[in-house]
N, C-alpha and C. Protein backbone atom coordinates (compact mmCIF):
# COMPACT_ATOMS: atom_id res chain seq x y z
N MET A 1 0.76 -1.05 -0.17
CA MET A 1 -0.28 -0.02 -0.27
C MET A 1 1.09 1.46 -0.09
N ALA A 2 0.30 2.21 -0.90
CA ALA A 2 1.16 3.28 -1.24
C ALA A 2 1.31 4.68 0.53
N ASP A 3 2.06 5.18 0.72
CA ASP A 3 2.31 5.91 1.96
C ASP A 3 1.51 7.04 1.68
N PRO A 4 0.55 7.55 2.55
CA PRO A 4 -0.33 8.40 2.51
C PRO A 4 -0.08 9.92 2.15
N ILE A 5 -0.29 10.61 1.28
CA ILE A 5 -0.11 11.87 0.91
C ILE A 5 -0.96 13.05 1.45
N THR A 6 0.04 14.16 2.07
CA THR A 6 -0.62 15.39 2.79
C THR A 6 0.02 16.40 2.52
N VAL A 7 -1.00 17.66 1.79
CA VAL A 7 -0.57 18.56 1.31
C VAL A 7 -0.45 19.69 1.99
N PHE A 8 0.70 20.60 2.30
CA PHE A 8 0.45 21.70 3.26
C PHE A 8 0.20 22.96 2.22
N VAL A 9 -0.67 23.51 2.03
CA VAL A 9 -0.76 24.67 1.60
C VAL A 9 -1.37 26.10 2.00
N LYS A 10 -1.53 27.10 1.15
CA LYS A 10 -2.42 28.55 1.59
C LYS A 10 -2.95 29.00 0.61
N ALA A 11 -4.20 28.90 0.95
CA ALA A 11 -5.89 29.45 0.01
C ALA A 11 -4.66 30.70 -0.62
N GLY A 12 -5.14 30.44 -2.00
CA GLY A 12 -4.77 31.67 -3.01
C GLY A 12 -3.36 31.84 -3.30
N ASP A 13 -2.31 30.78 -3.03
CA ASP A 13 -0.99 30.62 -2.94
C ASP A 13 -0.81 29.97 -4.55
N PRO A 14 0.14 30.51 -5.50
CA PRO A 14 -0.43 30.09 -6.95
C PRO A 14 0.18 28.94 -6.97
N ALA A 15 1.90 28.63 -6.35
CA ALA A 15 2.25 27.66 -6.38
C ALA A 15 1.41 26.55 -5.50
N SER A 16 0.46 26.97 -4.30
CA SER A 16 0.10 25.37 -3.99
C SER A 16 -1.09 25.32 -4.70
N GLU A 17 -1.61 25.89 -5.67
CA GLU A 17 -2.79 25.71 -6.48
C GLU A 17 -2.18 24.70 -7.18
N GLN A 18 -1.02 25.02 -8.05
CA GLN A 18 -0.24 24.41 -8.85
C GLN A 18 0.15 23.09 -8.47
N THR A 19 0.35 22.68 -7.38
CA THR A 19 0.52 21.38 -6.53
C THR A 19 -0.61 20.55 -6.68
N LEU A 20 -1.47 21.11 -6.10
CA LEU A 20 -3.02 20.53 -5.86
C LEU A 20 -3.66 20.20 -7.51
N ARG A 21 -3.52 21.02 -8.06
CA ARG A 21 -3.82 20.56 -9.82
C ARG A 21 -3.09 19.37 -10.61
N TYR A 22 -1.50 19.20 -10.05
CA TYR A 22 -0.86 17.94 -10.41
C TYR A 22 -0.77 16.93 -9.60
N LEU A 23 -1.51 16.78 -8.49
CA LEU A 23 -2.33 15.51 -7.70
C LEU A 23 -3.58 15.24 -8.35
N ASP A 24 -4.12 16.54 -8.60
CA ASP A 24 -5.72 16.00 -9.09
C ASP A 24 -5.80 15.71 -10.71
N GLN A 25 -4.83 16.06 -11.52
CA GLN A 25 -4.54 15.52 -12.65
C GLN A 25 -4.20 14.13 -12.76
N ARG A 26 -3.59 13.42 -12.05
CA ARG A 26 -2.93 12.27 -11.41
C ARG A 26 -3.70 11.31 -11.07
N GLY A 27 -4.94 12.01 -10.29
CA GLY A 27 -5.95 11.23 -9.83
C GLY A 27 -5.56 10.66 -8.48
N LEU A 28 -4.93 11.25 -7.68
CA LEU A 28 -3.69 11.04 -6.16
C LEU A 28 -4.84 11.42 -5.36
N ALA A 29 -5.26 10.54 -4.17
CA ALA A 29 -5.82 11.04 -3.28
C ALA A 29 -5.12 11.66 -2.10
N TYR A 30 -5.21 12.61 -1.31
CA TYR A 30 -4.33 13.49 -0.62
C TYR A 30 -5.15 13.93 0.28
N THR A 31 -4.32 14.39 1.67
CA THR A 31 -5.00 15.13 2.39
C THR A 31 -4.79 16.53 2.22
N ARG A 32 -5.66 17.67 2.03
CA ARG A 32 -5.25 18.81 1.75
C ARG A 32 -5.13 19.51 3.28
N ARG A 33 -4.35 20.36 3.95
CA ARG A 33 -4.15 21.31 4.99
C ARG A 33 -3.79 22.55 4.69
N ASP A 34 -4.85 23.40 5.36
CA ASP A 34 -4.21 24.89 5.06
C ASP A 34 -3.35 25.59 6.02
N VAL A 35 -2.48 26.06 6.05
CA VAL A 35 -1.74 26.95 7.31
C VAL A 35 -2.61 28.10 7.53
N LEU A 36 -3.37 28.41 6.72
CA LEU A 36 -4.11 29.51 7.39
C LEU A 36 -5.11 29.05 8.16
N THR A 37 -5.50 27.97 8.06
CA THR A 37 -6.93 27.83 8.46
C THR A 37 -6.72 26.75 9.83
N ASP A 38 -5.67 26.15 9.53
CA ASP A 38 -5.30 24.91 10.28
C ASP A 38 -3.94 24.90 11.46
N PRO A 39 -4.08 25.25 12.40
CA PRO A 39 -2.76 25.85 13.32
C PRO A 39 -2.17 24.46 13.32
N SER A 40 -2.42 23.35 13.74
CA SER A 40 -1.92 22.19 13.74
C SER A 40 -0.90 21.91 12.36
N ALA A 41 -1.30 22.41 11.19
CA ALA A 41 -0.52 22.23 10.07
C ALA A 41 0.62 22.95 10.18
N THR A 42 0.16 24.30 10.56
CA THR A 42 1.48 25.32 10.83
C THR A 42 2.32 24.87 11.93
N ALA A 43 2.00 23.93 12.93
CA ALA A 43 2.63 23.57 13.74
C ALA A 43 4.12 22.29 13.20
N ILE A 44 3.40 21.50 12.75
CA ILE A 44 4.10 20.17 11.87
C ILE A 44 5.11 20.67 10.81
N LEU A 45 4.45 22.26 10.14
CA LEU A 45 5.40 22.22 9.38
C LEU A 45 6.64 23.16 10.25
N PHE A 46 6.48 23.98 11.38
CA PHE A 46 7.40 24.52 11.62
C PHE A 46 8.62 23.52 12.64
N GLY A 47 7.57 22.56 13.44
CA GLY A 47 8.66 21.23 13.85
C GLY A 47 9.32 20.57 12.98
N ARG A 48 9.02 20.43 11.83
CA ARG A 48 10.04 19.43 10.56
C ARG A 48 10.97 20.10 10.00
N LEU A 49 10.52 21.59 9.72
CA LEU A 49 10.90 22.61 8.98
C LEU A 49 11.76 23.59 9.58
N GLY A 50 11.52 23.90 10.82
CA GLY A 50 11.78 25.19 11.44
C GLY A 50 11.25 26.44 10.71
N ARG A 51 10.33 26.24 9.83
CA ARG A 51 9.69 27.47 9.17
C ARG A 51 8.42 26.70 8.82
N VAL A 52 7.60 27.81 8.33
CA VAL A 52 6.06 27.50 7.55
C VAL A 52 6.45 28.10 6.12
N THR A 53 6.52 26.97 5.16
CA THR A 53 6.31 27.36 3.80
C THR A 53 5.24 26.77 3.28
N VAL A 54 4.72 27.15 2.34
CA VAL A 54 3.70 26.36 1.16
C VAL A 54 4.32 26.24 -0.22
N PRO A 55 3.94 25.18 -1.25
CA PRO A 55 3.28 24.25 -1.12
C PRO A 55 4.34 23.02 -0.20
N VAL A 56 4.28 22.24 0.65
CA VAL A 56 5.01 21.21 1.14
C VAL A 56 4.13 19.82 1.09
N VAL A 57 4.79 19.11 0.21
CA VAL A 57 3.64 17.66 0.01
C VAL A 57 4.51 16.75 1.22
N GLN A 58 3.74 15.95 1.72
CA GLN A 58 4.47 15.18 2.70
C GLN A 58 3.99 13.51 1.91
N ILE A 59 4.84 12.76 1.83
CA ILE A 59 4.57 11.63 0.99
C ILE A 59 5.25 10.59 2.41
N GLY A 60 4.73 9.74 3.37
CA GLY A 60 4.67 9.30 4.44
C GLY A 60 5.96 10.02 4.96
N ASP A 61 7.02 9.82 5.39
CA ASP A 61 8.09 10.87 6.08
C ASP A 61 8.48 11.97 5.07
N ARG A 62 8.70 11.63 4.27
CA ARG A 62 9.57 12.23 3.38
C ARG A 62 8.42 13.75 3.01
N LEU A 63 9.32 14.62 3.00
CA LEU A 63 8.58 16.16 2.71
C LEU A 63 9.19 16.87 1.54
N LEU A 64 8.09 17.28 0.62
CA LEU A 64 8.95 17.71 -0.50
C LEU A 64 8.53 19.39 -0.68
N VAL A 65 9.55 20.28 -0.54
CA VAL A 65 9.26 21.59 -0.02
C VAL A 65 8.99 22.49 -1.67
N GLY A 66 7.80 22.97 -1.97
CA GLY A 66 7.82 23.90 -3.18
C GLY A 66 6.99 23.16 -4.00
N HIS A 67 6.45 23.72 -5.11
CA HIS A 67 6.31 22.91 -6.25
C HIS A 67 7.49 22.36 -6.98
N ASP A 68 7.73 21.28 -7.25
CA ASP A 68 8.62 20.59 -8.40
C ASP A 68 7.98 19.46 -8.43
N PRO A 69 7.00 19.83 -9.71
CA PRO A 69 7.35 18.58 -10.54
C PRO A 69 7.92 17.46 -10.78
N VAL A 70 9.31 17.65 -10.90
CA VAL A 70 10.22 16.26 -10.94
C VAL A 70 10.08 15.64 -9.93
N GLN A 71 9.96 16.02 -8.60
CA GLN A 71 10.50 15.83 -7.18
C GLN A 71 9.46 15.03 -7.22
N LEU A 72 7.96 15.59 -7.67
CA LEU A 72 7.06 14.84 -7.36
C LEU A 72 6.82 13.59 -8.20
N ALA A 73 6.83 13.88 -9.35
CA ALA A 73 6.70 12.35 -10.20
C ALA A 73 7.82 11.33 -9.32
N ARG A 74 9.06 11.71 -9.31
CA ARG A 74 10.10 10.89 -8.97
C ARG A 74 9.40 9.90 -7.63
N PHE A 75 8.81 11.17 -6.56
CA PHE A 75 8.09 10.34 -5.23
C PHE A 75 7.15 9.49 -5.20
N LEU A 76 6.01 10.08 -6.10
CA LEU A 76 4.55 9.88 -5.67
C LEU A 76 4.49 8.43 -6.34
N PRO A 77 3.23 7.78 -5.56
CA PRO A 77 3.09 6.44 -6.09
C PRO A 77 2.75 6.54 -7.68
N ARG A 78 2.93 5.58 -8.31
CA ARG A 78 2.23 5.35 -9.69
C ARG A 78 1.62 4.23 -9.85
N GLU A 79 0.03 4.88 -10.03
CA GLU A 79 -1.01 3.89 -10.62
C GLU A 79 -0.61 3.32 -12.01
N ASP A 80 -0.18 4.54 -12.78
CA ASP A 80 -0.23 4.08 -14.35
C ASP A 80 1.43 3.75 -14.93
N ALA A 81 1.64 2.65 -14.09
CA ALA A 81 2.77 2.03 -14.63
C ALA A 81 2.93 1.30 -16.00
N ASP A 82 1.63 1.21 -16.47
CA ASP A 82 1.76 0.35 -17.98
C ASP A 82 0.74 1.56 -18.86
N GLU A 83 0.78 2.83 -18.64
CA GLU A 83 0.39 3.77 -19.36
C GLU A 83 1.13 3.80 -20.14
N PRO A 84 1.22 3.93 -21.28
CA PRO A 84 2.50 4.44 -22.18
C PRO A 84 2.86 6.10 -22.26
N GLY A 85 4.64 5.82 -22.48
CA GLY A 85 5.15 7.32 -21.94
C GLY A 85 4.98 8.45 -23.12
N VAL A 86 5.45 9.51 -23.34
CA VAL A 86 5.77 10.24 -24.50
C VAL A 86 6.91 10.17 -25.04
N ALA A 87 6.77 10.82 -25.95
CA ALA A 87 8.06 11.27 -26.87
C ALA A 87 8.23 12.52 -27.42
N PHE A 88 9.24 13.17 -26.78
CA PHE A 88 9.57 14.74 -26.75
C PHE A 88 9.98 14.81 -28.44
N GLY A 89 10.25 14.37 -29.26
CA GLY A 89 10.71 14.47 -30.82
C GLY A 89 11.80 15.22 -31.16
N ALA A 90 12.78 15.53 -30.44
CA ALA A 90 13.86 16.23 -31.02
C ALA A 90 15.10 15.34 -30.03
N ALA A 91 15.99 15.37 -30.78
CA ALA A 91 17.50 15.11 -30.52
C ALA A 91 18.17 16.64 -29.39
N VAL A 92 18.60 15.88 -28.11
CA VAL A 92 19.16 16.75 -27.22
C VAL A 92 20.49 16.49 -27.16
N ARG A 93 21.45 17.41 -26.45
CA ARG A 93 22.73 17.19 -26.17
C ARG A 93 23.16 18.39 -25.25
N GLY A 94 23.87 18.01 -23.94
CA GLY A 94 24.31 18.76 -23.25
C GLY A 94 25.05 20.04 -24.04
N VAL A 95 24.88 21.14 -23.17
CA VAL A 95 25.31 22.15 -23.69
C VAL A 95 26.98 22.40 -22.91
N THR A 96 27.75 22.75 -23.56
CA THR A 96 29.15 22.60 -23.22
C THR A 96 29.68 24.30 -23.06
N ALA A 97 30.98 24.40 -22.76
CA ALA A 97 31.24 25.76 -22.44
C ALA A 97 31.63 26.44 -24.11
N GLU A 98 31.87 25.40 -25.12
CA GLU A 98 32.08 26.27 -26.48
C GLU A 98 30.72 26.32 -27.14
N ILE A 99 29.34 25.35 -26.71
CA ILE A 99 28.25 25.90 -27.40
C ILE A 99 27.58 27.05 -26.64
N ALA A 100 27.95 27.23 -25.30
CA ALA A 100 27.52 28.44 -24.64
C ALA A 100 28.04 29.76 -25.16
N ALA A 101 29.16 29.73 -25.41
CA ALA A 101 30.06 30.94 -26.03
C ALA A 101 29.25 31.01 -27.29
N GLU A 102 29.12 30.32 -28.03
CA GLU A 102 28.67 30.12 -29.75
C GLU A 102 27.21 30.90 -29.17
N LYS A 103 26.39 30.15 -28.57
CA LYS A 103 25.17 30.37 -28.14
C LYS A 103 24.48 32.03 -27.29
N ARG A 104 25.81 32.48 -26.81
CA ARG A 104 25.85 33.60 -26.22
C ARG A 104 24.95 33.15 -25.22
N LEU A 105 25.18 32.30 -24.45
CA LEU A 105 24.57 32.12 -22.92
C LEU A 105 25.77 32.69 -21.51
N PRO A 106 24.89 33.23 -20.80
CA PRO A 106 25.89 33.51 -19.48
C PRO A 106 26.69 32.39 -18.93
N SER A 107 26.37 31.11 -18.88
CA SER A 107 27.33 29.86 -18.73
C SER A 107 27.06 28.59 -18.99
N ALA A 108 27.63 27.73 -19.01
CA ALA A 108 27.13 26.17 -19.66
C ALA A 108 25.86 25.57 -18.99
N TYR A 109 24.74 25.54 -19.42
CA TYR A 109 23.61 24.98 -18.66
C TYR A 109 22.51 24.88 -19.87
N GLY A 110 21.74 24.12 -19.19
CA GLY A 110 20.84 23.62 -20.79
C GLY A 110 21.09 22.44 -21.53
N VAL A 111 20.51 22.06 -22.69
CA VAL A 111 20.65 21.23 -23.63
C VAL A 111 20.30 21.84 -24.90
N GLU A 112 20.86 21.68 -25.64
CA GLU A 112 20.77 22.34 -27.31
C GLU A 112 20.28 21.34 -27.86
N VAL A 113 19.42 21.48 -28.80
CA VAL A 113 18.36 21.11 -29.53
C VAL A 113 18.89 20.53 -30.95
N GLY A 114 19.22 19.34 -31.33
CA GLY A 114 19.50 18.80 -32.80
C GLY A 114 18.34 19.03 -33.47
N SER A 115 18.25 17.83 -34.33
CA SER A 115 16.89 17.26 -35.43
C SER A 115 15.44 17.69 -34.54
N VAL A 116 14.88 18.13 -35.11
CA VAL A 116 13.24 18.08 -34.58
C VAL A 116 12.34 17.35 -35.40
N LYS A 117 11.69 16.14 -35.25
CA LYS A 117 10.56 15.15 -35.89
C LYS A 117 10.00 16.24 -36.38
N GLU A 118 9.06 16.37 -37.35
CA GLU A 118 7.75 16.77 -38.04
C GLU A 118 6.86 16.26 -37.37
N GLY A 119 5.92 16.85 -36.89
CA GLY A 119 4.56 16.55 -36.33
C GLY A 119 4.69 16.20 -35.06
N SER A 120 6.09 16.17 -34.41
CA SER A 120 6.19 15.78 -33.00
C SER A 120 5.64 17.12 -31.86
N PRO A 121 5.38 16.61 -30.70
CA PRO A 121 5.27 17.71 -29.46
C PRO A 121 6.01 18.81 -29.36
N ALA A 122 7.47 18.77 -29.68
CA ALA A 122 8.72 19.56 -30.12
C ALA A 122 8.57 20.50 -31.37
N ALA A 123 7.88 20.00 -32.20
CA ALA A 123 7.75 20.62 -33.33
C ALA A 123 6.41 21.76 -33.19
N ALA A 124 5.59 21.12 -32.39
CA ALA A 124 3.95 21.61 -32.55
C ALA A 124 4.65 22.92 -31.69
N ALA A 125 5.25 22.71 -30.91
CA ALA A 125 5.34 23.76 -29.45
C ALA A 125 6.24 25.05 -29.94
N GLY A 126 6.68 24.84 -31.53
CA GLY A 126 7.77 25.63 -32.39
C GLY A 126 9.19 25.88 -31.55
N ILE A 127 9.65 24.53 -31.11
CA ILE A 127 11.18 24.43 -31.16
C ILE A 127 11.92 24.03 -32.23
N ARG A 128 13.15 24.46 -32.55
CA ARG A 128 13.48 24.40 -33.36
C ARG A 128 15.07 23.98 -33.42
N ALA A 129 15.60 23.15 -34.25
CA ALA A 129 16.99 22.63 -34.31
C ALA A 129 17.75 23.88 -33.83
N GLY A 130 18.85 23.92 -32.91
CA GLY A 130 19.97 24.84 -32.34
C GLY A 130 19.30 25.65 -31.19
N ASP A 131 18.14 25.40 -31.05
CA ASP A 131 17.71 26.02 -29.64
C ASP A 131 18.30 25.58 -28.76
N VAL A 132 18.59 26.30 -27.18
CA VAL A 132 19.15 25.83 -26.23
C VAL A 132 17.67 25.86 -25.10
N ILE A 133 17.45 25.22 -24.66
CA ILE A 133 16.42 24.38 -23.55
C ILE A 133 17.00 24.76 -22.24
N ALA A 134 16.93 25.68 -21.53
CA ALA A 134 17.56 26.29 -20.18
C ALA A 134 16.84 25.71 -19.30
N ALA A 135 15.49 26.23 -19.61
CA ALA A 135 14.68 25.42 -17.72
C ALA A 135 13.77 24.59 -18.15
N ILE A 136 13.40 23.92 -17.78
CA ILE A 136 11.76 23.15 -17.24
C ILE A 136 11.11 23.88 -16.34
N GLY A 137 9.81 24.45 -16.62
CA GLY A 137 9.44 25.44 -15.62
C GLY A 137 10.20 26.28 -15.24
N PRO A 138 10.12 26.33 -13.77
CA PRO A 138 11.33 27.44 -13.16
C PRO A 138 12.70 26.75 -12.50
N TYR A 139 13.03 25.59 -13.47
CA TYR A 139 14.10 24.82 -12.78
C TYR A 139 14.95 24.61 -13.86
N THR A 140 16.41 25.42 -13.59
CA THR A 140 17.13 25.48 -14.47
C THR A 140 18.05 23.94 -14.72
N ILE A 141 18.02 23.93 -16.31
CA ILE A 141 18.57 22.35 -16.21
C ILE A 141 20.22 22.41 -16.39
N ASN A 142 20.83 21.64 -15.06
CA ASN A 142 22.30 21.94 -15.03
C ASN A 142 22.55 20.68 -15.07
N GLY A 143 21.77 19.43 -15.35
CA GLY A 143 21.81 18.29 -15.66
C GLY A 143 22.33 17.72 -16.98
N GLY A 144 21.98 18.57 -17.53
CA GLY A 144 22.24 17.98 -19.25
C GLY A 144 21.12 17.40 -19.58
N ALA A 145 21.69 16.27 -20.62
CA ALA A 145 20.69 15.37 -21.35
C ALA A 145 20.19 14.56 -20.68
N ASP A 146 20.46 13.96 -19.63
CA ASP A 146 19.87 12.82 -18.68
C ASP A 146 18.91 13.49 -18.10
N GLN A 147 19.13 14.36 -17.70
CA GLN A 147 18.02 15.30 -16.53
C GLN A 147 16.70 15.63 -17.58
N PHE A 148 16.91 16.43 -18.61
CA PHE A 148 16.13 16.37 -19.64
C PHE A 148 15.54 15.16 -20.19
N ARG A 149 16.20 14.07 -19.87
CA ARG A 149 15.50 12.55 -20.94
C ARG A 149 14.46 12.26 -19.61
N ARG A 150 14.82 12.60 -18.50
CA ARG A 150 14.25 11.89 -17.29
C ARG A 150 12.82 12.74 -17.20
N ALA A 151 12.83 13.99 -16.99
CA ALA A 151 11.87 14.78 -16.77
C ALA A 151 11.02 14.83 -17.94
N VAL A 152 11.44 14.37 -18.97
CA VAL A 152 10.48 14.05 -20.00
C VAL A 152 9.80 12.77 -20.02
N ALA A 153 10.54 11.79 -19.36
CA ALA A 153 10.15 10.69 -19.24
C ALA A 153 8.75 10.20 -18.20
N LEU A 154 9.00 11.08 -16.96
CA LEU A 154 7.95 11.61 -16.27
C LEU A 154 6.93 11.96 -16.65
N ARG A 155 6.46 12.60 -17.91
CA ARG A 155 5.58 13.16 -18.58
C ARG A 155 4.62 11.75 -19.02
N ARG A 156 3.21 11.89 -19.00
CA ARG A 156 2.59 11.22 -19.17
C ARG A 156 1.34 11.39 -20.33
N PRO A 157 0.99 10.93 -21.66
CA PRO A 157 -0.56 11.60 -22.57
C PRO A 157 -1.02 12.39 -21.52
N GLY A 158 -1.23 13.57 -22.33
CA GLY A 158 -2.28 14.86 -21.72
C GLY A 158 -1.28 15.94 -20.96
N ASP A 159 -0.20 15.12 -20.47
CA ASP A 159 0.80 16.24 -19.70
C ASP A 159 1.29 17.49 -20.43
N SER A 160 1.91 18.76 -19.86
CA SER A 160 2.43 19.81 -20.69
C SER A 160 3.71 20.07 -19.62
N MET A 161 4.40 20.95 -21.15
CA MET A 161 5.97 20.95 -20.03
C MET A 161 6.13 22.18 -20.49
N ALA A 162 6.31 23.26 -19.76
CA ALA A 162 6.38 24.92 -20.08
C ALA A 162 8.10 24.58 -19.77
N LEU A 163 8.99 25.43 -20.97
CA LEU A 163 10.32 25.28 -21.05
C LEU A 163 10.42 26.76 -21.52
N ALA A 164 11.66 27.31 -20.74
CA ALA A 164 12.54 28.60 -21.31
C ALA A 164 13.68 28.07 -22.30
N LEU A 165 13.67 28.81 -23.46
CA LEU A 165 14.40 28.74 -24.46
C LEU A 165 15.32 29.72 -24.65
N TRP A 166 16.88 29.51 -25.09
CA TRP A 166 17.65 30.64 -25.57
C TRP A 166 17.32 30.41 -27.05
N ARG A 167 17.16 31.31 -28.04
CA ARG A 167 16.95 31.21 -29.02
C ARG A 167 17.59 32.49 -30.05
N ASP A 168 18.96 32.51 -30.79
CA ASP A 168 19.20 34.05 -31.24
C ASP A 168 19.44 34.86 -30.21
N GLY A 169 20.28 34.48 -28.91
CA GLY A 169 20.68 35.13 -27.60
C GLY A 169 19.43 35.81 -27.18
N GLU A 170 18.40 35.41 -27.46
CA GLU A 170 16.93 36.05 -26.67
C GLU A 170 16.32 34.65 -26.01
N PRO A 171 15.37 35.10 -25.03
CA PRO A 171 14.97 34.00 -24.32
C PRO A 171 13.48 33.85 -25.00
N VAL A 172 13.25 32.79 -25.06
CA VAL A 172 11.93 32.49 -25.85
C VAL A 172 11.20 31.25 -24.89
N ASP A 173 9.78 31.78 -24.54
CA ASP A 173 9.14 30.80 -23.59
C ASP A 173 8.01 29.84 -24.34
N VAL A 174 8.10 28.43 -24.32
CA VAL A 174 7.45 27.28 -25.22
C VAL A 174 6.48 26.41 -24.04
N VAL A 175 5.23 25.97 -24.52
CA VAL A 175 4.87 24.94 -23.78
C VAL A 175 4.77 24.08 -24.66
N VAL A 176 5.26 22.73 -24.08
CA VAL A 176 4.95 21.28 -25.16
C VAL A 176 4.00 20.54 -24.44
N SER A 177 2.90 20.12 -25.46
CA SER A 177 1.54 19.37 -24.91
C SER A 177 2.08 17.89 -25.51
N PHE A 178 1.90 17.13 -24.71
CA PHE A 178 1.86 15.58 -25.24
C PHE A 178 0.15 15.28 -25.23
N PRO A 179 0.39 14.75 -26.35
CA PRO A 179 -1.14 14.63 -26.91
C PRO A 179 -1.57 13.50 -25.98
N ALA A 180 -2.88 13.42 -25.57
CA ALA A 180 -3.94 12.35 -24.24
C ALA A 180 -3.59 11.40 -25.71
N ALA A 181 -3.53 10.22 -24.57
CA ALA A 181 -3.76 8.85 -25.59
C ALA A 181 -5.31 8.61 -26.01
N PRO A 182 -5.18 8.23 -27.41
CA PRO A 182 -6.68 8.18 -27.95
C PRO A 182 -7.49 6.95 -26.96
N GLN A 183 -8.68 7.24 -27.18
CA GLN A 183 -9.76 6.87 -26.22
C GLN A 183 -10.39 5.93 -27.07
N PRO A 184 -10.50 4.64 -26.79
CA PRO A 184 -11.32 3.57 -27.75
C PRO A 184 -12.67 3.91 -28.18
N GLU A 185 -12.82 4.03 -29.06
CA GLU A 185 -14.18 4.26 -30.18
C GLU A 185 -15.31 3.34 -29.50
N GLU A 186 -16.56 3.98 -29.21
CA GLU A 186 -17.32 2.87 -28.42
C GLU A 186 -18.23 2.42 -29.81
N GLN A 187 -18.76 1.06 -29.69
CA GLN A 187 -19.15 0.55 -30.80
C GLN A 187 -20.56 0.93 -30.38
N PRO A 188 -21.52 1.28 -31.70
CA PRO A 188 -22.61 1.65 -31.51
C PRO A 188 -23.57 0.31 -30.96
N SER A 189 -24.22 0.77 -30.06
CA SER A 189 -25.52 -0.42 -29.55
C SER A 189 -26.09 -0.65 -30.51
N PRO A 190 -26.62 -1.94 -30.76
CA PRO A 190 -27.73 -2.84 -31.65
C PRO A 190 -29.09 -1.92 -31.06
N SER A 191 -30.07 -1.71 -32.20
CA SER A 191 -30.97 -1.17 -32.21
C SER A 191 -32.26 -2.08 -32.20
């Protein structure tokens, strides 16, 4: 049996809302505790972290602080192990110091996009060969191509992924949407 999930949030907090939406989209059961209306929630956070911050997702004894989809996907129970994965549709490689200098990046981070498959989620989002993907949401890619591939592997059909690109010396934001798995067609019932 999976560990229970408790989410410490604050009403009206955008990061808290993102975390709740993330859990809801995956159909996970959780207990919601609002630090504004639940004094014991505040006490738990202060006791465990030495401060009160939101969102915090507690999975068993583990606390995940902040809205971090990569860590959530890593530690949350997986009901969909046989659900198909997604494909990004572009080759990537880690950015070296030479690539960073050529692309006018402030330092060597992110992944450079190679060929982009026509009709892929990457192509649909407007990603081009030569773009540098610098961040996934608010998280800078410091772990090269492996980190990026793991982040894509954690996505499921119907998910999306906000990316910060570097193109021709300028920042560009895109959202890659992974198509939902096709639903089986219903057979008409005989009349």
